[in-house]
């Protein structure tokens, strides 16, 4: 079977590529197709991440095992696309170049029969130009309900009853 997949850059403007690839291809082949489709050199580290319907990141599938001792991390060249992406789990997150953090949302759009004479992977459609630098990410921690408001606590520092010269 052939997966038709949309890969969307995590940016305000629409920048995406539609790729078709064999479902039995490994994730390293898919990684190479993505880097070529977006014009990357392909020489940087990358990982895929499984995720839920709301794009909450789960398990990492890395290009290389960078641990000092053999870890249990899944590797792209040992993981087929249909092992991590299907109709029930149609989404992945792809991060290319961990210094720049190019982040992409990967979503299965359709599953079709293989066409004779067509070479896969195949870029079906491109939209938008990749910027010179990855979009800025806003990382904000949201306090949970049980954390309370610590800003008020710090504002009342002088009201706290303790000895500053305790030692």
Protein backbone atom coordinates (compact mmCIF):
# COMPACT_ATOMS: atom_id res chain seq x y z
CA UNK A 1 0.00 0.00 0.00
CA UNK A 2 0.98 3.63 -0.49
CA UNK A 3 0.69 6.24 2.23
CA UNK A 4 -0.09 9.80 1.16
CA UNK A 5 1.29 11.99 3.93
CA UNK A 6 1.26 15.73 4.57
CA UNK A 7 4.30 17.19 6.38
CA UNK A 8 3.59 20.66 7.81
CA UNK A 9 6.21 23.02 9.24
CA UNK A 10 5.24 24.25 12.71
CA UNK A 11 4.98 27.91 11.68
CA UNK A 12 2.34 30.64 11.43
CA UNK A 13 2.42 30.63 7.62
CA UNK A 14 1.42 27.54 5.66
CA UNK A 15 4.46 25.56 4.53
CA UNK A 16 3.96 21.91 3.72
CA UNK A 17 4.85 19.02 1.42
CA UNK A 18 2.69 16.09 0.38
CA UNK A 19 4.65 12.87 -0.09
CA UNK A 20 3.57 9.39 -1.09
CA UNK A 21 5.65 6.51 0.18
CA UNK A 22 5.31 2.74 0.53
CA UNK A 23 3.86 1.73 3.90
CA UNK A 24 6.64 -0.85 4.38
CA UNK A 25 9.40 1.79 3.99
CA UNK A 26 11.47 2.37 7.08
CA UNK A 27 11.48 5.71 8.85
CA UNK A 28 15.02 6.46 7.67
CA UNK A 29 13.76 6.37 4.07
CA UNK A 30 10.90 8.64 5.09
CA UNK A 31 13.33 11.00 6.87
CA UNK A 32 15.41 11.18 3.67
CA UNK A 33 12.30 11.94 1.60
CA UNK A 34 11.32 14.76 3.99
CA UNK A 35 14.78 16.35 4.03
CA UNK A 36 14.92 16.29 0.21
CA UNK A 37 11.38 17.65 -0.15
CA UNK A 38 12.17 20.62 2.10
CA UNK A 39 15.68 21.20 0.72
CA UNK A 40 17.71 20.26 3.79
CA UNK A 41 21.18 18.77 3.38
CA UNK A 42 20.13 15.79 5.49
CA UNK A 43 23.30 15.79 7.57
CA UNK A 44 21.74 16.76 10.91
CA UNK A 45 20.27 14.58 13.65
CA UNK A 46 16.55 13.95 13.52
CA UNK A 47 13.83 12.03 15.31
CA UNK A 48 10.25 11.05 14.81
CA UNK A 49 7.91 11.00 17.79
CA UNK A 50 4.67 9.10 18.10
CA UNK A 51 1.86 11.27 19.41
CA UNK A 52 -1.82 11.31 20.19
CA UNK A 53 -4.65 13.11 18.37
CA UNK A 54 -3.76 16.40 20.11
CA UNK A 55 -0.08 16.16 19.03
CA UNK A 56 1.15 15.31 22.54
CA UNK A 57 4.60 13.80 22.04
CA UNK A 58 5.22 10.22 23.14
CA UNK A 59 7.92 7.72 22.06
CA UNK A 60 11.07 8.84 20.24
CA UNK A 61 12.34 7.03 17.14
CA UNK A 62 15.85 8.33 16.49
CA UNK A 63 18.08 8.41 13.44
CA UNK A 64 21.03 7.12 15.53
CA UNK A 65 21.47 5.74 19.02
CA UNK A 66 23.63 8.38 20.70
CA UNK A 67 23.70 6.73 24.14
CA UNK A 68 26.97 5.42 25.51
CA UNK A 69 25.56 2.03 26.38
CA UNK A 70 23.07 0.24 24.18
CA UNK A 71 19.67 1.66 25.05
CA UNK A 72 16.18 0.56 24.20
CA UNK A 73 15.58 3.53 21.89
CA UNK A 74 13.87 2.70 18.62
CA UNK A 75 15.82 3.51 15.48
CA UNK A 76 14.50 4.77 12.15
CA UNK A 77 16.24 2.12 10.07
CA UNK A 78 14.65 -0.64 12.18
CA UNK A 79 11.11 0.78 12.23
CA UNK A 80 8.72 0.55 9.31
CA UNK A 81 6.31 3.37 8.63
CA UNK A 82 3.23 1.18 9.09
CA UNK A 83 4.51 0.18 12.58
CA UNK A 84 4.01 3.73 13.86
CA UNK A 85 1.48 5.28 11.48
CA UNK A 86 -1.89 3.90 10.38
CA UNK A 87 -5.56 4.87 10.22
CA UNK A 88 -5.91 4.54 14.01
CA UNK A 89 -2.68 6.50 14.71
CA UNK A 90 -2.37 8.88 11.76
CA UNK A 91 0.02 11.44 13.31
CA UNK A 92 3.73 11.80 14.02
CA UNK A 93 5.98 14.67 14.98
CA UNK A 94 9.28 15.05 13.10
CA UNK A 95 12.18 17.15 14.42
CA UNK A 96 15.17 17.89 12.21
CA UNK A 97 18.42 19.46 13.49
CA UNK A 98 18.25 19.58 17.28
CA UNK A 99 20.20 22.86 17.39
CA UNK A 100 17.67 24.63 15.15
CA UNK A 101 14.64 22.50 16.09
CA UNK A 102 12.84 22.42 12.76
CA UNK A 103 9.56 20.86 13.88
CA UNK A 104 6.98 19.30 11.58
CA UNK A 105 3.53 17.81 12.02
CA UNK A 106 3.20 14.63 9.94
CA UNK A 107 -0.27 13.35 9.14
CA UNK A 108 -1.52 10.41 7.12
CA UNK A 109 -3.98 11.75 4.53
CA UNK A 110 -4.83 8.64 2.50
CA UNK A 111 -3.90 5.02 1.80
CA UNK A 112 -4.01 3.96 -1.84
CA UNK A 113 -2.90 1.11 -4.09
CA UNK A 114 0.60 1.17 -5.55
CA UNK A 115 0.74 2.44 -9.14
CA UNK A 116 2.83 0.45 -11.60
CA UNK A 117 5.74 2.43 -13.01
CA UNK A 118 5.72 5.07 -10.27
CA UNK A 119 8.86 5.51 -8.17
CA UNK A 120 8.39 5.94 -4.41
CA UNK A 121 8.86 8.02 -2.37
CA UNK A 122 7.31 10.71 -4.54
CA UNK A 123 6.66 14.38 -3.76
CA UNK A 124 3.09 15.08 -4.82
CA UNK A 125 2.72 18.72 -3.87
CA UNK A 126 4.72 21.55 -2.33
CA UNK A 127 3.34 24.71 -0.78
CA UNK A 128 5.29 27.62 0.68
CA UNK A 129 8.96 28.42 0.93
CA UNK A 130 11.06 27.21 3.84
CA UNK A 131 12.36 30.25 5.80
CA UNK A 132 16.09 30.78 6.31
CA UNK A 133 15.72 30.01 10.03
CA UNK A 134 13.22 27.87 11.92
CA UNK A 135 10.23 29.65 13.43
CA UNK A 136 10.68 30.84 17.03
CA UNK A 137 9.06 28.60 19.62
CA UNK A 138 7.28 29.97 22.65
CA UNK A 139 7.80 27.63 25.58
CA UNK A 140 5.61 28.60 28.49
CA UNK A 141 5.01 26.63 31.63
CA UNK A 142 1.43 26.75 32.75
CA UNK A 143 0.98 26.34 36.50
CA UNK A 144 -1.26 23.49 37.49
CA UNK A 145 -4.26 24.16 39.72
CA UNK A 146 -2.44 22.93 42.82
CA UNK A 147 0.62 25.16 42.35
CA UNK A 148 -1.14 28.40 43.26
CA UNK A 149 0.08 31.86 42.33
CA UNK A 150 3.73 32.22 43.33
CA UNK A 151 3.97 35.79 42.05
CA UNK A 152 1.83 36.98 44.98
CA UNK A 153 3.99 34.97 47.36
CA UNK A 154 7.20 36.62 46.13
CA UNK A 155 5.61 40.07 46.32
CA UNK A 156 4.96 39.51 50.02
CA UNK A 157 8.54 38.41 50.78
CA UNK A 158 9.00 41.14 53.38
CA UNK A 159 5.92 39.92 55.25
CA UNK A 160 7.37 36.46 55.80
CA UNK A 161 8.30 35.71 59.39
CA UNK A 162 11.81 34.25 59.41
CA UNK A 163 15.25 35.28 60.53
CA UNK A 164 17.45 36.38 57.62
CA UNK A 165 20.58 35.72 59.71
CA UNK A 166 19.81 32.12 60.43
CA UNK A 167 23.36 30.75 60.20
